[in-house]
Amino acid sequence: MLAPRAVRPATPLLRSFSSLSVAYHCPSIRDITVESAEQFLRRQKEFRENLARLRKEQQESEDRHHEAVSKRGHLSSLIYGTVKGQKFDKELARSSSQVLERGKYVHSIVMHDVKPNKVDEYVDLVGQWYPRMANIEDNRVNLVGSWRTQVGDNDTFIHIWEYQRYEGYHSSLHKISEQPGFREFDNKLKSLIKSKKTSLMQEFSFWHTTPPRRLGGLFELRTYTLYPGNLLEWESHWCRSLSSRREVMEGVGAWFVQIGDLNTVHQLWQFANLEHRRICREKSWGHDGWAETVYKTAHLTQTMQSRILIPMPWSPVG
């Protein structure tokens, strides 16, 4: 079994479940106020500082480990003792790490098209069961987040799950199906929705999914349908320009679909409100390379879709 991400803090309050009934308020874009931007920016600053500190500690730990491992014998020093050999050694370790990391997690994106007159029932039902599913002992799954669409396909609820490889996906679904009361939950859910759509995705190696955080505000899910055979070129352009864009925009994650809607890429961003989104996107154009990235990726894309989402009360990323 794989260990959880080192930078992901424990969030017991978000992952806990009580058998007592909880009446959740169904969030709406009406809950967002102009004044909330200041609070969002303060929380964003605190989150980034804490994440940078955790990553620094993790990197220092890895450096100490590599330093201990690098104390090789005489034969090893003959092979790796030169500057060129040491550089090759580091590049090989880095590339191997990226390959392993890329296949470490499988994500699913689940979309529920809820009947308009059943939204409140749906929120109460899923708000009770999803945290419980994510908190099953020894389960190999995390709930990344749950959101309600407010601009786009209204009354569509979107949930992103993180599994430890495909083995974790299979074992988690099996354990969930054996939980007491699951059959009743599943039957009730089917009566509240018009349709359900699931795709299995993998995160890009250059953009890991964020750990749990509570910044507030709203989210934008951008979906790109690429022409077949263009994913690697699209990824290459985005990889070079992402760091500059993330200086002015708060990214959540980026994934490409492996099973389901193939040739599809999802990106999730977080903003204080729609005005904050406008300002951030305008600032992006002032960074070197961003205009070139748009120019070089536009012809690779068949369609684009944007949804504005509001996080649900139990969402670990909200």
C-alpha atoms as a PDB file:
ATOM      1  CA  MET A   1       0.000   0.000   0.000  1.00  0.00           C
ATOM      2  CA  LEU A   2       1.344   3.420  -0.922  1.00  0.00           C
ATOM      3  CA  ALA A   3       1.861   6.081   1.709  1.00  0.00           C
ATOM      4  CA  PRO A   4      -0.220   9.268   1.449  1.00  0.00           C
ATOM      5  CA  ARG A   5       1.359  12.403  -0.005  1.00  0.00           C
ATOM      6  CA  ALA A   6       3.863  13.884   2.405  1.00  0.00           C
ATOM      7  CA  VAL A   7       2.596  17.423   1.941  1.00  0.00           C
ATOM      8  CA  ARG A   8      -1.033  16.571   2.603  1.00  0.00           C
ATOM      9  CA  PRO A   9      -2.016  17.614   6.125  1.00  0.00           C
ATOM     10  CA  ALA A  10      -4.470  15.535   8.098  1.00  0.00           C
ATOM     11  CA  THR A  11      -7.999  16.898   8.079  1.00  0.00           C
ATOM     12  CA  PRO A  12      -9.986  14.810  10.555  1.00  0.00           C
ATOM     13  CA  LEU A  13     -12.858  17.277  10.737  1.00  0.00           C
ATOM     14  CA  LEU A  14     -13.355  17.081   7.000  1.00  0.00           C
ATOM     15  CA  ARG A  15     -12.996  13.329   6.824  1.00  0.00           C
ATOM     16  CA  SER A  16     -15.087  12.411   9.879  1.00  0.00           C
ATOM     17  CA  PHE A  17     -18.610  11.029   9.704  1.00  0.00           C
ATOM     18  CA  SER A  18     -21.423  10.934  12.188  1.00  0.00           C
ATOM     19  CA  SER A  19     -24.498   8.762  12.035  1.00  0.00           C
ATOM     20  CA  LEU A  20     -26.507  11.750  13.230  1.00  0.00           C
ATOM     21  CA  SER A  21     -28.427  13.634  10.575  1.00  0.00           C
ATOM     22  CA  VAL A  22     -26.745  16.833   9.362  1.00  0.00           C
ATOM     23  CA  ALA A  23     -28.822  19.352   7.434  1.00  0.00           C
ATOM     24  CA  TYR A  24     -26.350  20.895   4.987  1.00  0.00           C
ATOM     25  CA  HIS A  25     -26.946  24.282   3.458  1.00  0.00           C
ATOM     26  CA  CYS A  26     -26.789  23.965  -0.318  1.00  0.00           C
ATOM     27  CA  PRO A  27     -24.157  26.556  -1.324  1.00  0.00           C
ATOM     28  CA  SER A  28     -24.847  29.097  -4.027  1.00  0.00           C
ATOM     29  CA  ILE A  29     -22.947  31.783  -5.896  1.00  0.00           C
ATOM     30  CA  ARG A  30     -25.208  34.182  -3.967  1.00  0.00           C
ATOM     31  CA  ASP A  31     -23.074  33.366  -0.911  1.00  0.00           C
ATOM     32  CA  ILE A  32     -20.050  35.033  -2.529  1.00  0.00           C
ATOM     33  CA  THR A  33     -19.575  38.700  -1.640  1.00  0.00           C
ATOM     34  CA  VAL A  34     -17.143  41.329  -2.860  1.00  0.00           C
ATOM     35  CA  GLU A  35     -15.834  41.695   0.687  1.00  0.00           C
ATOM     36  CA  SER A  36     -14.814  38.012   0.765  1.00  0.00           C
ATOM     37  CA  ALA A  37     -11.842  38.696  -1.544  1.00  0.00           C
ATOM     38  CA  GLU A  38      -9.688  40.046   1.289  1.00  0.00           C
ATOM     39  CA  GLN A  39     -10.342  36.962   3.399  1.00  0.00           C
ATOM     40  CA  PHE A  40      -9.577  34.695   0.436  1.00  0.00           C
ATOM     41  CA  LEU A  41      -6.240  36.413  -0.251  1.00  0.00           C
ATOM     42  CA  ARG A  42      -5.243  36.151   3.414  1.00  0.00           C
ATOM     43  CA  ARG A  43      -6.040  32.434   3.498  1.00  0.00           C
ATOM     44  CA  GLN A  44      -4.276  31.917   0.178  1.00  0.00           C
ATOM     45  CA  LYS A  45      -1.101  33.544   1.530  1.00  0.00           C
ATOM     46  CA  GLU A  46      -1.169  31.379   4.665  1.00  0.00           C
ATOM     47  CA  PHE A  47      -1.777  28.216   2.626  1.00  0.00           C
ATOM     48  CA  ARG A  48       1.101  28.940   0.230  1.00  0.00           C
ATOM     49  CA  GLU A  49       3.504  29.729   3.064  1.00  0.00           C
ATOM     50  CA  ASN A  50       2.633  26.531   4.947  1.00  0.00           C
ATOM     51  CA  LEU A  51       2.871  24.428   1.788  1.00  0.00           C
ATOM     52  CA  ALA A  52       6.279  25.930   0.928  1.00  0.00           C
ATOM     53  CA  ARG A  53       7.520  25.159   4.433  1.00  0.00           C
ATOM     54  CA  LEU A  54       6.329  21.532   4.244  1.00  0.00           C
ATOM     55  CA  ARG A  55       7.909  21.057   0.832  1.00  0.00           C
ATOM     56  CA  LYS A  56      11.180  22.543   2.052  1.00  0.00           C
ATOM     57  CA  GLU A  57      11.222  20.143   4.990  1.00  0.00           C
ATOM     58  CA  GLN A  58      10.451  17.243   2.671  1.00  0.00           C
ATOM     59  CA  GLN A  59      13.219  18.278   0.264  1.00  0.00           C
ATOM     60  CA  GLU A  60      15.745  18.613   3.097  1.00  0.00           C
ATOM     61  CA  SER A  61      14.825  15.124   4.292  1.00  0.00           C
ATOM     62  CA  GLU A  62      15.264  13.716   0.781  1.00  0.00           C
ATOM     63  CA  ASP A  63      18.600  15.508   0.390  1.00  0.00           C
ATOM     64  CA  ARG A  64      19.876  13.969   3.627  1.00  0.00           C
ATOM     65  CA  HIS A  65      18.780  10.550   2.407  1.00  0.00           C
ATOM     66  CA  HIS A  66      20.461  11.006  -0.982  1.00  0.00           C
ATOM     67  CA  GLU A  67      23.636  12.199   0.725  1.00  0.00           C
ATOM     68  CA  ALA A  68      23.756   9.036   2.804  1.00  0.00           C
ATOM     69  CA  VAL A  69      23.084   6.826  -0.211  1.00  0.00           C
ATOM     70  CA  SER A  70      25.733   8.640  -2.276  1.00  0.00           C
ATOM     71  CA  LYS A  71      28.525   7.383   0.004  1.00  0.00           C
ATOM     72  CA  ARG A  72      29.391   4.562  -2.337  1.00  0.00           C
ATOM     73  CA  GLY A  73      32.271   2.125  -2.526  1.00  0.00           C
ATOM     74  CA  HIS A  74      35.411   2.462  -4.667  1.00  0.00           C
ATOM     75  CA  LEU A  75      33.865   0.837  -7.769  1.00  0.00           C
ATOM     76  CA  SER A  76      30.821   3.095  -7.621  1.00  0.00           C
ATOM     77  CA  SER A  77      33.009   6.184  -7.331  1.00  0.00           C
ATOM     78  CA  LEU A  78      34.848   5.188 -10.491  1.00  0.00           C
ATOM     79  CA  ILE A  79      31.552   5.151 -12.376  1.00  0.00           C
ATOM     80  CA  TYR A  80      29.867   8.154 -10.812  1.00  0.00           C
ATOM     81  CA  GLY A  81      32.830  10.153  -9.550  1.00  0.00           C
ATOM     82  CA  THR A  82      33.065  12.513 -12.506  1.00  0.00           C
ATOM     83  CA  VAL A  83      30.931  15.636 -12.770  1.00  0.00           C
ATOM     84  CA  LYS A  84      29.308  14.221 -15.885  1.00  0.00           C
ATOM     85  CA  GLY A  85      28.556  10.967 -14.110  1.00  0.00           C
ATOM     86  CA  GLN A  86      27.040  12.722 -11.108  1.00  0.00           C
ATOM     87  CA  LYS A  87      24.854  14.851 -13.382  1.00  0.00           C
ATOM     88  CA  PHE A  88      23.665  11.741 -15.206  1.00  0.00           C
ATOM     89  CA  ASP A  89      22.917  10.060 -11.888  1.00  0.00           C
ATOM     90  CA  LYS A  90      20.755  12.979 -10.728  1.00  0.00           C
ATOM     91  CA  GLU A  91      18.891  13.225 -14.030  1.00  0.00           C
ATOM     92  CA  LEU A  92      18.191   9.505 -14.018  1.00  0.00           C
ATOM     93  CA  ALA A  93      16.865   9.644 -10.451  1.00  0.00           C
ATOM     94  CA  ARG A  94      14.716  12.643 -11.279  1.00  0.00           C
ATOM     95  CA  SER A  95      13.217  11.101 -14.420  1.00  0.00           C
ATOM     96  CA  SER A  96      12.547   7.809 -12.653  1.00  0.00           C
ATOM     97  CA  SER A  97      10.845   9.659  -9.801  1.00  0.00           C
ATOM     98  CA  GLN A  98       8.597  11.539 -12.221  1.00  0.00           C
ATOM     99  CA  VAL A  99       7.584   8.340 -13.991  1.00  0.00           C
ATOM    100  CA  LEU A 100       6.707   6.675 -10.688  1.00  0.00           C
ATOM    101  CA  GLU A 101       4.859   9.741  -9.396  1.00  0.00           C
ATOM    102  CA  ARG A 102       2.811  10.018 -12.564  1.00  0.00           C
ATOM    103  CA  GLY A 103       1.366   6.550 -12.079  1.00  0.00           C
ATOM    104  CA  LYS A 104       1.006   6.744  -8.303  1.00  0.00           C
ATOM    105  CA  TYR A 105      -2.528   8.122  -8.171  1.00  0.00           C
ATOM    106  CA  VAL A 106      -5.662   7.604 -10.226  1.00  0.00           C
ATOM    107  CA  HIS A 107      -8.385  10.248 -10.074  1.00  0.00           C
ATOM    108  CA  SER A 108     -12.025   9.938 -10.978  1.00  0.00           C
ATOM    109  CA  ILE A 109     -14.317  12.812 -11.864  1.00  0.00           C
ATOM    110  CA  VAL A 110     -17.976  12.031 -11.215  1.00  0.00           C
ATOM    111  CA  MET A 111     -20.743  14.296 -12.483  1.00  0.00           C
ATOM    112  CA  HIS A 112     -24.315  14.014 -11.180  1.00  0.00           C
ATOM    113  CA  ASP A 113     -27.085  15.796 -13.071  1.00  0.00           C
ATOM    114  CA  VAL A 114     -29.529  16.303 -10.210  1.00  0.00           C
ATOM    115  CA  LYS A 115     -33.273  16.797 -10.631  1.00  0.00           C
ATOM    116  CA  PRO A 116     -33.993  20.478  -9.831  1.00  0.00           C
ATOM    117  CA  ASN A 117     -36.633  19.670  -7.223  1.00  0.00           C
ATOM    118  CA  LYS A 118     -34.361  17.122  -5.521  1.00  0.00           C
ATOM    119  CA  VAL A 119     -31.265  19.276  -4.918  1.00  0.00           C
ATOM    120  CA  ASP A 120     -31.756  19.646  -1.151  1.00  0.00           C
ATOM    121  CA  GLU A 121     -32.370  15.905  -0.696  1.00  0.00           C
ATOM    122  CA  TYR A 122     -29.289  15.165  -2.772  1.00  0.00           C
ATOM    123  CA  VAL A 123     -27.104  17.474  -0.682  1.00  0.00           C
ATOM    124  CA  ASP A 124     -28.276  15.880   2.577  1.00  0.00           C
ATOM    125  CA  LEU A 125     -27.769  12.333   1.231  1.00  0.00           C
ATOM    126  CA  VAL A 126     -24.352  12.801  -0.353  1.00  0.00           C
ATOM    127  CA  GLY A 127     -23.154  15.045   2.480  1.00  0.00           C
ATOM    128  CA  GLN A 128     -23.680  12.134   4.861  1.00  0.00           C
ATOM    129  CA  TRP A 129     -22.301   9.355   2.689  1.00  0.00           C
ATOM    130  CA  TYR A 130     -19.326  10.752   0.805  1.00  0.00           C
ATOM    131  CA  PRO A 131     -17.299  11.704   3.906  1.00  0.00           C
ATOM    132  CA  ARG A 132     -18.123   8.270   5.321  1.00  0.00           C
ATOM    133  CA  MET A 133     -16.887   6.530   2.156  1.00  0.00           C
ATOM    134  CA  ALA A 134     -13.672   8.548   2.214  1.00  0.00           C
ATOM    135  CA  ASN A 135     -13.094   7.665   5.884  1.00  0.00           C
ATOM    136  CA  ILE A 136     -13.414   3.886   5.692  1.00  0.00           C
ATOM    137  CA  GLU A 137     -10.545   2.327   7.623  1.00  0.00           C
ATOM    138  CA  ASP A 138      -7.697   1.058   5.413  1.00  0.00           C
ATOM    139  CA  ASN A 139      -9.438   2.354   2.323  1.00  0.00           C
ATOM    140  CA  ARG A 140      -7.193   3.574  -0.500  1.00  0.00           C
ATOM    141  CA  VAL A 141      -9.147   6.653  -1.497  1.00  0.00           C
ATOM    142  CA  ASN A 142      -9.327  10.362  -0.671  1.00  0.00           C
ATOM    143  CA  LEU A 143     -12.096  12.762  -1.561  1.00  0.00           C
ATOM    144  CA  VAL A 144     -10.390  15.701  -3.258  1.00  0.00           C
ATOM    145  CA  GLY A 145     -13.548  17.788  -3.341  1.00  0.00           C
ATOM    146  CA  SER A 146     -17.237  18.206  -4.122  1.00  0.00           C
ATOM    147  CA  TRP A 147     -18.747  21.177  -5.950  1.00  0.00           C
ATOM    148  CA  ARG A 148     -22.040  22.500  -7.265  1.00  0.00           C
ATOM    149  CA  THR A 149     -22.131  24.057 -10.745  1.00  0.00           C
ATOM    150  CA  GLN A 150     -23.510  27.603 -10.762  1.00  0.00           C
ATOM    151  CA  VAL A 151     -22.506  28.791 -14.237  1.00  0.00           C
ATOM    152  CA  GLY A 152     -22.682  26.098 -16.887  1.00  0.00           C
ATOM    153  CA  ASP A 153     -24.721  22.921 -16.425  1.00  0.00           C
ATOM    154  CA  ASN A 154     -26.742  24.122 -13.451  1.00  0.00           C
ATOM    155  CA  ASP A 155     -27.688  21.564 -10.787  1.00  0.00           C
ATOM    156  CA  THR A 156     -24.751  19.409 -11.885  1.00  0.00           C
ATOM    157  CA  PHE A 157     -22.630  18.313  -8.920  1.00  0.00           C
ATOM    158  CA  ILE A 158     -19.007  17.368  -9.502  1.00  0.00           C
ATOM    159  CA  HIS A 159     -16.880  15.152  -7.277  1.00  0.00           C
ATOM    160  CA  ILE A 160     -13.187  14.310  -7.690  1.00  0.00           C
ATOM    161  CA  TRP A 161     -11.737  11.256  -5.930  1.00  0.00           C
ATOM    162  CA  GLU A 162      -8.113  10.192  -5.570  1.00  0.00           C
ATOM    163  CA  TYR A 163      -7.196   6.486  -5.501  1.00  0.00           C
ATOM    164  CA  GLN A 164      -3.884   4.728  -4.950  1.00  0.00           C
ATOM    165  CA  ARG A 165      -3.406   3.307  -8.423  1.00  0.00           C
ATOM    166  CA  TYR A 166      -6.021   1.138 -10.128  1.00  0.00           C
ATOM    167  CA  GLU A 167      -5.686  -1.490  -7.395  1.00  0.00           C
ATOM    168  CA  GLY A 168      -6.910   1.154  -4.960  1.00  0.00           C
ATOM    169  CA  TYR A 169      -9.784   2.023  -7.276  1.00  0.00           C
ATOM    170  CA  HIS A 170     -11.010  -1.568  -7.422  1.00  0.00           C
ATOM    171  CA  SER A 171     -10.506  -2.307  -3.727  1.00  0.00           C
ATOM    172  CA  SER A 172     -12.150   0.968  -2.643  1.00  0.00           C
ATOM    173  CA  LEU A 173     -15.254   0.437  -4.761  1.00  0.00           C
ATOM    174  CA  HIS A 174     -15.542  -3.109  -3.414  1.00  0.00           C
ATOM    175  CA  LYS A 175     -15.212  -2.013   0.224  1.00  0.00           C
ATOM    176  CA  ILE A 176     -17.709   0.792  -0.268  1.00  0.00           C
ATOM    177  CA  SER A 177     -20.252  -1.590  -1.814  1.00  0.00           C
ATOM    178  CA  GLU A 178     -20.042  -3.809   1.288  1.00  0.00           C
ATOM    179  CA  GLN A 179     -20.759  -1.020   3.768  1.00  0.00           C
ATOM    180  CA  PRO A 180     -24.013  -1.355   5.767  1.00  0.00           C
ATOM    181  CA  GLY A 181     -26.711   0.754   4.186  1.00  0.00           C
ATOM    182  CA  PHE A 182     -24.891   1.256   0.884  1.00  0.00           C
ATOM    183  CA  ARG A 183     -27.643  -0.392  -1.158  1.00  0.00           C
ATOM    184  CA  GLU A 184     -30.224   1.972   0.336  1.00  0.00           C
ATOM    185  CA  PHE A 185     -27.952   4.945  -0.351  1.00  0.00           C
ATOM    186  CA  ASP A 186     -27.374   3.869  -3.947  1.00  0.00           C
ATOM    187  CA  ASN A 187     -31.082   3.356  -4.630  1.00  0.00           C
ATOM    188  CA  LYS A 188     -31.935   6.719  -3.091  1.00  0.00           C
ATOM    189  CA  LEU A 189     -29.219   8.446  -5.126  1.00  0.00           C
ATOM    190  CA  LYS A 190     -30.606   7.010  -8.360  1.00  0.00           C
ATOM    191  CA  SER A 191     -34.001   8.490  -7.572  1.00  0.00           C
ATOM    192  CA  LEU A 192     -32.530  11.990  -7.166  1.00  0.00           C
ATOM    193  CA  ILE A 193     -30.408  12.274 -10.321  1.00  0.00           C
ATOM    194  CA  LYS A 194     -31.164  12.305 -14.036  1.00  0.00           C
ATOM    195  CA  SER A 195     -27.780  10.951 -15.091  1.00  0.00           C
ATOM    196  CA  LYS A 196     -24.293  10.082 -13.839  1.00  0.00           C
ATOM    197  CA  LYS A 197     -21.013  10.358 -15.734  1.00  0.00           C
ATOM    198  CA  THR A 198     -17.607   9.071 -14.622  1.00  0.00           C
ATOM    199  CA  SER A 199     -14.136   9.351 -16.146  1.00  0.00           C
ATOM    200  CA  LEU A 200     -10.831   8.032 -14.797  1.00  0.00           C
ATOM    201  CA  MET A 201      -7.961  10.489 -14.982  1.00  0.00           C
ATOM    202  CA  GLN A 202      -4.286  10.916 -14.171  1.00  0.00           C
ATOM    203  CA  GLU A 203      -2.707  14.113 -12.928  1.00  0.00           C
ATOM    204  CA  PHE A 204       0.052  15.742 -14.947  1.00  0.00           C
ATOM    205  CA  SER A 205       3.529  15.113 -13.556  1.00  0.00           C
ATOM    206  CA  PHE A 206       4.251  18.860 -13.464  1.00  0.00           C
ATOM    207  CA  TRP A 207       1.081  19.727 -11.535  1.00  0.00           C
ATOM    208  CA  HIS A 208       0.211  17.685  -8.457  1.00  0.00           C
ATOM    209  CA  THR A 209      -3.274  17.919  -6.993  1.00  0.00           C
ATOM    210  CA  THR A 210      -3.444  20.308  -4.048  1.00  0.00           C
ATOM    211  CA  PRO A 211      -3.762  18.977  -0.497  1.00  0.00           C
ATOM    212  CA  PRO A 212      -6.914  19.889   1.466  1.00  0.00           C
ATOM    213  CA  ARG A 213      -7.419  23.607   2.105  1.00  0.00           C
ATOM    214  CA  ARG A 214     -10.219  26.031   2.967  1.00  0.00           C
ATOM    215  CA  LEU A 215      -9.715  29.320   1.122  1.00  0.00           C
ATOM    216  CA  GLY A 216     -13.341  30.066   0.292  1.00  0.00           C
ATOM    217  CA  GLY A 217     -14.505  31.750  -2.885  1.00  0.00           C
ATOM    218  CA  LEU A 218     -15.393  29.906  -6.064  1.00  0.00           C
ATOM    219  CA  PHE A 219     -13.779  27.552  -8.574  1.00  0.00           C
ATOM    220  CA  GLU A 220     -13.486  27.348 -12.331  1.00  0.00           C
ATOM    221  CA  LEU A 221     -13.347  23.956 -14.035  1.00  0.00           C
ATOM    222  CA  ARG A 222     -11.919  24.360 -17.532  1.00  0.00           C
ATOM    223  CA  THR A 223     -12.306  21.386 -19.869  1.00  0.00           C
ATOM    224  CA  TYR A 224     -10.346  21.025 -23.099  1.00  0.00           C
ATOM    225  CA  THR A 225     -11.078  18.428 -25.768  1.00  0.00           C
ATOM    226  CA  LEU A 226      -7.921  17.922 -27.813  1.00  0.00           C
ATOM    227  CA  TYR A 227      -7.518  16.502 -31.277  1.00  0.00           C
ATOM    228  CA  PRO A 228      -6.328  12.861 -31.020  1.00  0.00           C
ATOM    229  CA  GLY A 229      -2.561  12.495 -30.794  1.00  0.00           C
ATOM    230  CA  ASN A 230      -1.838  15.997 -29.481  1.00  0.00           C
ATOM    231  CA  LEU A 231      -1.751  15.458 -25.712  1.00  0.00           C
ATOM    232  CA  LEU A 232       2.045  15.308 -25.359  1.00  0.00           C
ATOM    233  CA  GLU A 233       2.558  18.489 -27.386  1.00  0.00           C
ATOM    234  CA  TRP A 234      -0.172  20.274 -25.415  1.00  0.00           C
ATOM    235  CA  GLU A 235       1.411  19.097 -22.147  1.00  0.00           C
ATOM    236  CA  SER A 236       4.868  20.272 -23.226  1.00  0.00           C
ATOM    237  CA  HIS A 237       3.686  23.832 -23.905  1.00  0.00           C
ATOM    238  CA  TRP A 238       1.707  24.038 -20.661  1.00  0.00           C
ATOM    239  CA  CYS A 239       4.578  22.654 -18.593  1.00  0.00           C
ATOM    240  CA  ARG A 240       6.873  25.486 -19.681  1.00  0.00           C
ATOM    241  CA  SER A 241       4.420  28.280 -18.913  1.00  0.00           C
ATOM    242  CA  LEU A 242       2.510  26.984 -15.896  1.00  0.00           C
ATOM    243  CA  SER A 243       4.853  28.359 -13.236  1.00  0.00           C
ATOM    244  CA  SER A 244       4.351  31.941 -14.409  1.00  0.00           C
ATOM    245  CA  ARG A 245       0.572  31.594 -14.496  1.00  0.00           C
ATOM    246  CA  ARG A 246       0.406  30.052 -11.048  1.00  0.00           C
ATOM    247  CA  GLU A 247       2.108  33.173  -9.690  1.00  0.00           C
ATOM    248  CA  VAL A 248      -1.129  35.081 -10.291  1.00  0.00           C
ATOM    249  CA  MET A 249      -3.729  32.258 -10.169  1.00  0.00           C
ATOM    250  CA  GLU A 250      -4.416  29.610  -7.523  1.00  0.00           C
ATOM    251  CA  GLY A 251      -4.389  26.194  -9.178  1.00  0.00           C
ATOM    252  CA  VAL A 252      -6.035  23.117  -7.696  1.00  0.00           C
ATOM    253  CA  GLY A 253      -5.049  20.435 -10.188  1.00  0.00           C
ATOM    254  CA  ALA A 254      -4.877  19.316 -13.801  1.00  0.00           C
ATOM    255  CA  TRP A 255      -5.742  15.873 -15.138  1.00  0.00           C
ATOM    256  CA  PHE A 256      -5.990  14.059 -18.462  1.00  0.00           C
ATOM    257  CA  VAL A 257      -8.640  11.388 -19.016  1.00  0.00           C
ATOM    258  CA  GLN A 258      -7.420   7.826 -19.541  1.00  0.00           C
ATOM    259  CA  ILE A 259     -10.764   6.013 -19.448  1.00  0.00           C
ATOM    260  CA  GLY A 260     -13.960   7.791 -20.446  1.00  0.00           C
ATOM    261  CA  ASP A 261     -13.922  10.989 -22.514  1.00  0.00           C
ATOM    262  CA  LEU A 262     -10.535  10.417 -24.147  1.00  0.00           C
ATOM    263  CA  ASN A 263      -8.406  13.344 -25.348  1.00  0.00           C
ATOM    264  CA  THR A 264      -9.934  15.442 -22.551  1.00  0.00           C
ATOM    265  CA  VAL A 265      -8.015  17.632 -20.096  1.00  0.00           C
ATOM    266  CA  HIS A 266      -9.526  19.153 -16.944  1.00  0.00           C
ATOM    267  CA  GLN A 267      -8.004  22.087 -15.052  1.00  0.00           C
ATOM    268  CA  LEU A 268      -9.373  23.394 -11.751  1.00  0.00           C
ATOM    269  CA  TRP A 269      -8.646  26.932 -10.494  1.00  0.00           C
ATOM    270  CA  GLN A 270      -9.782  28.820  -7.385  1.00  0.00           C
ATOM    271  CA  PHE A 271     -10.662  32.509  -7.047  1.00  0.00           C
ATOM    272  CA  ALA A 272     -12.141  34.826  -4.452  1.00  0.00           C
ATOM    273  CA  ASN A 273     -14.963  35.833  -6.824  1.00  0.00           C
ATOM    274  CA  LEU A 274     -15.574  36.516 -10.507  1.00  0.00           C
ATOM    275  CA  GLU A 275     -13.900  39.935 -10.370  1.00  0.00           C
ATOM    276  CA  HIS A 276     -10.814  38.355  -8.826  1.00  0.00           C
ATOM    277  CA  ARG A 277     -10.863  35.798 -11.659  1.00  0.00           C
ATOM    278  CA  ARG A 278     -10.957  38.588 -14.251  1.00  0.00           C
ATOM    279  CA  ILE A 279      -8.018  40.403 -12.652  1.00  0.00           C
ATOM    280  CA  CYS A 280      -5.906  37.249 -12.370  1.00  0.00           C
ATOM    281  CA  ARG A 281      -6.514  36.232 -15.971  1.00  0.00           C
ATOM    282  CA  GLU A 282      -5.591  39.697 -17.214  1.00  0.00           C
ATOM    283  CA  LYS A 283      -2.357  39.594 -15.205  1.00  0.00           C
ATOM    284  CA  SER A 284      -1.459  36.285 -16.863  1.00  0.00           C
ATOM    285  CA  TRP A 285      -1.051  38.010 -20.206  1.00  0.00           C
ATOM    286  CA  GLY A 286       1.687  40.170 -18.728  1.00  0.00           C
ATOM    287  CA  HIS A 287       3.928  37.153 -18.012  1.00  0.00           C
ATOM    288  CA  ASP A 288       6.519  36.042 -20.530  1.00  0.00           C
ATOM    289  CA  GLY A 289       5.541  32.994 -22.517  1.00  0.00           C
ATOM    290  CA  TRP A 290       1.824  32.914 -21.761  1.00  0.00           C
ATOM    291  CA  ALA A 291       0.703  34.449 -25.070  1.00  0.00           C
ATOM    292  CA  GLU A 292       2.988  32.032 -26.888  1.00  0.00           C
ATOM    293  CA  THR A 293       1.469  29.074 -25.010  1.00  0.00           C
ATOM    294  CA  VAL A 294      -2.057  30.111 -26.013  1.00  0.00           C
ATOM    295  CA  TYR A 295      -0.949  30.535 -29.625  1.00  0.00           C
ATOM    296  CA  LYS A 296       0.772  27.132 -29.761  1.00  0.00           C
ATOM    297  CA  THR A 297      -2.039  25.188 -28.077  1.00  0.00           C
ATOM    298  CA  ALA A 298      -5.101  26.758 -29.712  1.00  0.00           C
ATOM    299  CA  HIS A 299      -4.818  24.661 -32.880  1.00  0.00           C
ATOM    300  CA  LEU A 300      -4.499  21.482 -30.766  1.00  0.00           C
ATOM    301  CA  THR A 301      -7.911  22.019 -29.158  1.00  0.00           C
ATOM    302  CA  GLN A 302     -11.303  20.998 -30.577  1.00  0.00           C
ATOM    303  CA  THR A 303     -13.544  22.471 -27.873  1.00  0.00           C
ATOM    304  CA  MET A 304     -13.292  24.339 -24.570  1.00  0.00           C
ATOM    305  CA  GLN A 305     -15.762  24.549 -21.702  1.00  0.00           C
ATOM    306  CA  SER A 306     -15.790  26.628 -18.525  1.00  0.00           C
ATOM    307  CA  ARG A 307     -17.893  25.965 -15.419  1.00  0.00           C
ATOM    308  CA  ILE A 308     -18.094  28.084 -12.275  1.00  0.00           C
ATOM    309  CA  LEU A 309     -18.355  25.898  -9.185  1.00  0.00           C
ATOM    310  CA  ILE A 310     -19.166  26.451  -5.506  1.00  0.00           C
ATOM    311  CA  PRO A 311     -17.629  24.039  -2.952  1.00  0.00           C
ATOM    312  CA  MET A 312     -19.894  21.877  -0.850  1.00  0.00           C
ATOM    313  CA  PRO A 313     -19.691  22.171   2.965  1.00  0.00           C
ATOM    314  CA  TRP A 314     -17.919  18.781   3.346  1.00  0.00           C
ATOM    315  CA  SER A 315     -15.442  19.365   0.497  1.00  0.00           C
ATOM    316  CA  PRO A 316     -11.799  18.981   1.692  1.00  0.00           C
ATOM    317  CA  VAL A 317     -10.772  21.527  -0.968  1.00  0.00           C
ATOM    318  CA  GLY A 318     -13.038  24.514  -0.514  1.00  0.00           C
END
